[in-house]
Amino acid sequence: MQVSTSAILGAMAEPVERHLPNWVGRATPHTLRHFAASDLYAQGMNVVAIQEMLGHR
């Protein structure tokens, strides 16, 4: 089963408004994925491990 982008954005709306008010209307699953990857890298995780975790080849 696939979940539509609009369903994901709808589920994200309230948490983004509460925790990331500057990102209202700009936060997408893709931007959150990049934020998480950047945070893991900043904390010292190996970039290859991050790529593998995210499914990059």
PDB file of N, CA and C in Angstrom:
ATOM      1  N   MET A   1       0.832  -1.178   0.000  1.00  0.00           N
ATOM      2  CA  MET A   1       0.000   0.000   0.000  1.00  0.00           C
ATOM      3  C   MET A   1       0.881   1.247   0.000  1.00  0.00           C
ATOM      4  N   GLN A   2       0.575   2.180  -0.857  1.00  0.00           N
ATOM      5  CA  GLN A   2       1.299   3.436  -0.893  1.00  0.00           C
ATOM      6  C   GLN A   2       0.497   4.510  -0.182  1.00  0.00           C
ATOM      7  N   VAL A   3       1.213   5.417   0.434  1.00  0.00           N
ATOM      8  CA  VAL A   3       0.584   6.557   1.096  1.00  0.00           C
ATOM      9  C   VAL A   3       0.846   7.776   0.219  1.00  0.00           C
ATOM     10  N   SER A   4      -0.177   8.555  -0.037  1.00  0.00           N
ATOM     11  CA  SER A   4      -0.024   9.716  -0.911  1.00  0.00           C
ATOM     12  C   SER A   4       0.776  10.821  -0.226  1.00  0.00           C
ATOM     13  N   THR A   5       1.385  11.644  -1.046  1.00  0.00           N
ATOM     14  CA  THR A   5       2.135  12.787  -0.534  1.00  0.00           C
ATOM     15  C   THR A   5       1.233  13.706   0.272  1.00  0.00           C
ATOM     16  N   SER A   6      -0.003  13.902  -0.203  1.00  0.00           N
ATOM     17  CA  SER A   6      -0.912  14.792   0.528  1.00  0.00           C
ATOM     18  C   SER A   6      -1.258  14.221   1.898  1.00  0.00           C
ATOM     19  N   ALA A   7      -1.354  12.905   2.014  1.00  0.00           N
ATOM     20  CA  ALA A   7      -1.625  12.290   3.318  1.00  0.00           C
ATOM     21  C   ALA A   7      -0.444  12.481   4.266  1.00  0.00           C
ATOM     22  N   ILE A   8       0.766  12.351   3.748  1.00  0.00           N
ATOM     23  CA  ILE A   8       1.961  12.551   4.575  1.00  0.00           C
ATOM     24  C   ILE A   8       2.056  14.008   5.012  1.00  0.00           C
ATOM     25  N   LEU A   9       1.849  14.927   4.072  1.00  0.00           N
ATOM     26  CA  LEU A   9       1.907  16.352   4.414  1.00  0.00           C
ATOM     27  C   LEU A   9       0.831  16.712   5.432  1.00  0.00           C
ATOM     28  N   GLY A  10      -0.342  16.112   5.297  1.00  0.00           N
ATOM     29  CA  GLY A  10      -1.409  16.353   6.264  1.00  0.00           C
ATOM     30  C   GLY A  10      -1.041  15.865   7.653  1.00  0.00           C
ATOM     31  N   ALA A  11      -0.388  14.708   7.718  1.00  0.00           N
ATOM     32  CA  ALA A  11       0.038  14.162   9.009  1.00  0.00           C
ATOM     33  C   ALA A  11       1.168  14.987   9.621  1.00  0.00           C
ATOM     34  N   MET A  12       1.957  15.615   8.776  1.00  0.00           N
ATOM     35  CA  MET A  12       3.086  16.421   9.254  1.00  0.00           C
ATOM     36  C   MET A  12       2.670  17.825   9.684  1.00  0.00           C
ATOM     37  N   ALA A  13       1.526  18.303   9.246  1.00  0.00           N
ATOM     38  CA  ALA A  13       1.151  19.706   9.424  1.00  0.00           C
ATOM     39  C   ALA A  13       1.174  20.155  10.884  1.00  0.00           C
ATOM     40  N   GLU A  14       0.509  19.450  11.760  1.00  0.00           N
ATOM     41  CA  GLU A  14       0.427  19.876  13.162  1.00  0.00           C
ATOM     42  C   GLU A  14       1.780  19.771  13.870  1.00  0.00           C
ATOM     43  N   PRO A  15       2.531  18.666  13.731  1.00  0.00           N
ATOM     44  CA  PRO A  15       3.853  18.623  14.381  1.00  0.00           C
ATOM     45  C   PRO A  15       4.813  19.690  13.860  1.00  0.00           C
ATOM     46  N   VAL A  16       4.759  19.974  12.557  1.00  0.00           N
ATOM     47  CA  VAL A  16       5.623  21.018  12.010  1.00  0.00           C
ATOM     48  C   VAL A  16       5.226  22.363  12.592  1.00  0.00           C
ATOM     49  N   GLU A  17       3.938  22.637  12.646  1.00  0.00           N
ATOM     50  CA  GLU A  17       3.477  23.911  13.211  1.00  0.00           C
ATOM     51  C   GLU A  17       3.912  24.060  14.670  1.00  0.00           C
ATOM     52  N   ARG A  18       3.857  22.966  15.412  1.00  0.00           N
ATOM     53  CA  ARG A  18       4.205  23.015  16.836  1.00  0.00           C
ATOM     54  C   ARG A  18       5.713  23.092  17.071  1.00  0.00           C
ATOM     55  N   HIS A  19       6.475  22.272  16.351  1.00  0.00           N
ATOM     56  CA  HIS A  19       7.908  22.136  16.645  1.00  0.00           C
ATOM     57  C   HIS A  19       8.833  22.881  15.685  1.00  0.00           C
ATOM     58  N   LEU A  20       8.353  23.173  14.485  1.00  0.00           N
ATOM     59  CA  LEU A  20       9.178  23.851  13.487  1.00  0.00           C
ATOM     60  C   LEU A  20       8.385  24.988  12.830  1.00  0.00           C
ATOM     61  N   PRO A  21       7.953  25.963  13.604  1.00  0.00           N
ATOM     62  CA  PRO A  21       7.060  26.989  13.056  1.00  0.00           C
ATOM     63  C   PRO A  21       7.640  27.743  11.863  1.00  0.00           C
ATOM     64  N   ASN A  22       8.935  27.876  11.784  1.00  0.00           N
ATOM     65  CA  ASN A  22       9.534  28.564  10.638  1.00  0.00           C
ATOM     66  C   ASN A  22       9.453  27.741   9.356  1.00  0.00           C
ATOM     67  N   TRP A  23       9.104  26.473   9.486  1.00  0.00           N
ATOM     68  CA  TRP A  23       9.050  25.580   8.320  1.00  0.00           C
ATOM     69  C   TRP A  23       7.623  25.313   7.840  1.00  0.00           C
ATOM     70  N   VAL A  24       6.632  25.966   8.433  1.00  0.00           N
ATOM     71  CA  VAL A  24       5.246  25.757   8.002  1.00  0.00           C
ATOM     72  C   VAL A  24       5.137  26.103   6.519  1.00  0.00           C
ATOM     73  N   GLY A  25       4.596  25.183   5.747  1.00  0.00           N
ATOM     74  CA  GLY A  25       4.449  25.376   4.309  1.00  0.00           C
ATOM     75  C   GLY A  25       5.675  25.023   3.496  1.00  0.00           C
ATOM     76  N   ARG A  26       6.788  24.741   4.177  1.00  0.00           N
ATOM     77  CA  ARG A  26       8.030  24.407   3.463  1.00  0.00           C
ATOM     78  C   ARG A  26       8.538  23.010   3.789  1.00  0.00           C
ATOM     79  N   ALA A  27       8.132  22.452   4.924  1.00  0.00           N
ATOM     80  CA  ALA A  27       8.606  21.134   5.329  1.00  0.00           C
ATOM     81  C   ALA A  27       7.930  20.057   4.489  1.00  0.00           C
ATOM     82  N   THR A  28       8.747  19.189   3.930  1.00  0.00           N
ATOM     83  CA  THR A  28       8.252  18.059   3.151  1.00  0.00           C
ATOM     84  C   THR A  28       8.957  16.803   3.654  1.00  0.00           C
ATOM     85  N   PRO A  29       8.463  15.636   3.315  1.00  0.00           N
ATOM     86  CA  PRO A  29       9.189  14.419   3.695  1.00  0.00           C
ATOM     87  C   PRO A  29      10.636  14.450   3.195  1.00  0.00           C
ATOM     88  N   HIS A  30      10.836  14.999   2.008  1.00  0.00           N
ATOM     89  CA  HIS A  30      12.190  15.063   1.439  1.00  0.00           C
ATOM     90  C   HIS A  30      13.109  15.967   2.266  1.00  0.00           C
ATOM     91  N   THR A  31      12.609  17.148   2.683  1.00  0.00           N
ATOM     92  CA  THR A  31      13.450  18.039   3.486  1.00  0.00           C
ATOM     93  C   THR A  31      13.739  17.435   4.854  1.00  0.00           C
ATOM     94  N   LEU A  32      12.777  16.732   5.434  1.00  0.00           N
ATOM     95  CA  LEU A  32      13.023  16.086   6.723  1.00  0.00           C
ATOM     96  C   LEU A  32      14.033  14.953   6.590  1.00  0.00           C
ATOM     97  N   ARG A  33      13.988  14.246   5.478  1.00  0.00           N
ATOM     98  CA  ARG A  33      14.971  13.182   5.218  1.00  0.00           C
ATOM     99  C   ARG A  33      16.380  13.778   5.153  1.00  0.00           C
ATOM    100  N   HIS A  34      16.521  14.899   4.449  1.00  0.00           N
ATOM    101  CA  HIS A  34      17.834  15.550   4.354  1.00  0.00           C
ATOM    102  C   HIS A  34      18.279  16.101   5.699  1.00  0.00           C
ATOM    103  N   PHE A  35      17.339  16.662   6.460  1.00  0.00           N
ATOM    104  CA  PHE A  35      17.679  17.167   7.785  1.00  0.00           C
ATOM    105  C   PHE A  35      18.204  16.032   8.662  1.00  0.00           C
ATOM    106  N   ALA A  36      17.511  14.897   8.648  1.00  0.00           N
ATOM    107  CA  ALA A  36      17.931  13.755   9.469  1.00  0.00           C
ATOM    108  C   ALA A  36      19.304  13.251   9.045  1.00  0.00           C
ATOM    109  N   ALA A  37      19.537  13.148   7.742  1.00  0.00           N
ATOM    110  CA  ALA A  37      20.834  12.692   7.240  1.00  0.00           C
ATOM    111  C   ALA A  37      21.942  13.656   7.646  1.00  0.00           C
ATOM    112  N   SER A  38      21.684  14.953   7.525  1.00  0.00           N
ATOM    113  CA  SER A  38      22.687  15.955   7.900  1.00  0.00           C
ATOM    114  C   SER A  38      22.985  15.905   9.391  1.00  0.00           C
ATOM    115  N   ASP A  39      21.945  15.701  10.192  1.00  0.00           N
ATOM    116  CA  ASP A  39      22.128  15.617  11.644  1.00  0.00           C
ATOM    117  C   ASP A  39      22.956  14.391  12.014  1.00  0.00           C
ATOM    118  N   LEU A  40      22.675  13.254  11.391  1.00  0.00           N
ATOM    119  CA  LEU A  40      23.466  12.045  11.653  1.00  0.00           C
ATOM    120  C   LEU A  40      24.921  12.258  11.268  1.00  0.00           C
ATOM    121  N   TYR A  41      25.152  12.901  10.132  1.00  0.00           N
ATOM    122  CA  TYR A  41      26.517  13.175   9.681  1.00  0.00           C
ATOM    123  C   TYR A  41      27.226  14.111  10.663  1.00  0.00           C
ATOM    124  N   ALA A  42      26.534  15.140  11.116  1.00  0.00           N
ATOM    125  CA  ALA A  42      27.118  16.092  12.070  1.00  0.00           C
ATOM    126  C   ALA A  42      27.465  15.426  13.395  1.00  0.00           C
ATOM    127  N   GLN A  43      26.730  14.368  13.730  1.00  0.00           N
ATOM    128  CA  GLN A  43      27.002  13.639  14.972  1.00  0.00           C
ATOM    129  C   GLN A  43      28.099  12.593  14.804  1.00  0.00           C
ATOM    130  N   GLY A  44      28.653  12.497  13.577  1.00  0.00           N
ATOM    131  CA  GLY A  44      29.796  11.617  13.358  1.00  0.00           C
ATOM    132  C   GLY A  44      29.508  10.310  12.644  1.00  0.00           C
ATOM    133  N   MET A  45      28.283  10.097  12.201  1.00  0.00           N
ATOM    134  CA  MET A  45      27.980   8.854  11.488  1.00  0.00           C
ATOM    135  C   MET A  45      28.638   8.883  10.119  1.00  0.00           C
ATOM    136  N   ASN A  46      29.157   7.757   9.710  1.00  0.00           N
ATOM    137  CA  ASN A  46      29.819   7.624   8.421  1.00  0.00           C
ATOM    138  C   ASN A  46      28.840   7.882   7.291  1.00  0.00           C
ATOM    139  N   VAL A  47      29.270   8.674   6.296  1.00  0.00           N
ATOM    140  CA  VAL A  47      28.383   9.042   5.198  1.00  0.00           C
ATOM    141  C   VAL A  47      27.926   7.823   4.395  1.00  0.00           C
ATOM    142  N   VAL A  48      28.773   6.824   4.250  1.00  0.00           N
ATOM    143  CA  VAL A  48      28.383   5.611   3.522  1.00  0.00           C
ATOM    144  C   VAL A  48      27.293   4.868   4.284  1.00  0.00           C
ATOM    145  N   ALA A  49      27.402   4.825   5.604  1.00  0.00           N
ATOM    146  CA  ALA A  49      26.374   4.175   6.423  1.00  0.00           C
ATOM    147  C   ALA A  49      25.043   4.922   6.299  1.00  0.00           C
ATOM    148  N   ILE A  50      25.099   6.245   6.252  1.00  0.00           N
ATOM    149  CA  ILE A  50      23.879   7.040   6.087  1.00  0.00           C
ATOM    150  C   ILE A  50      23.257   6.752   4.731  1.00  0.00           C
ATOM    151  N   GLN A  51      24.075   6.719   3.687  1.00  0.00           N
ATOM    152  CA  GLN A  51      23.567   6.421   2.345  1.00  0.00           C
ATOM    153  C   GLN A  51      22.907   5.052   2.298  1.00  0.00           C
ATOM    154  N   GLU A  52      23.542   4.066   2.906  1.00  0.00           N
ATOM    155  CA  GLU A  52      22.968   2.712   2.919  1.00  0.00           C
ATOM    156  C   GLU A  52      21.654   2.682   3.685  1.00  0.00           C
ATOM    157  N   MET A  53      21.593   3.404   4.805  1.00  0.00           N
ATOM    158  CA  MET A  53      20.383   3.449   5.613  1.00  0.00           C
ATOM    159  C   MET A  53      19.231   4.076   4.835  1.00  0.00           C
ATOM    160  N   LEU A  54      19.557   5.082   4.008  1.00  0.00           N
ATOM    161  CA  LEU A  54      18.533   5.785   3.238  1.00  0.00           C
ATOM    162  C   LEU A  54      18.224   5.108   1.897  1.00  0.00           C
ATOM    163  N   GLY A  55      18.948   4.048   1.603  1.00  0.00           N
ATOM    164  CA  GLY A  55      18.676   3.310   0.375  1.00  0.00           C
ATOM    165  C   GLY A  55      19.384   3.820  -0.865  1.00  0.00           C
ATOM    166  N   HIS A  56      20.409   4.646  -0.701  1.00  0.00           N
ATOM    167  CA  HIS A  56      21.176   5.108  -1.853  1.00  0.00           C
ATOM    168  C   HIS A  56      22.103   4.001  -2.311  1.00  0.00           C
ATOM    169  N   ARG A  57      22.413   4.019  -3.590  1.00  0.00           N
ATOM    170  CA  ARG A  57      23.344   3.006  -4.135  1.00  0.00           C
ATOM    171  C   ARG A  57      24.710   3.600  -4.321  1.00  0.00           C
TER     172      ARG A  57
END
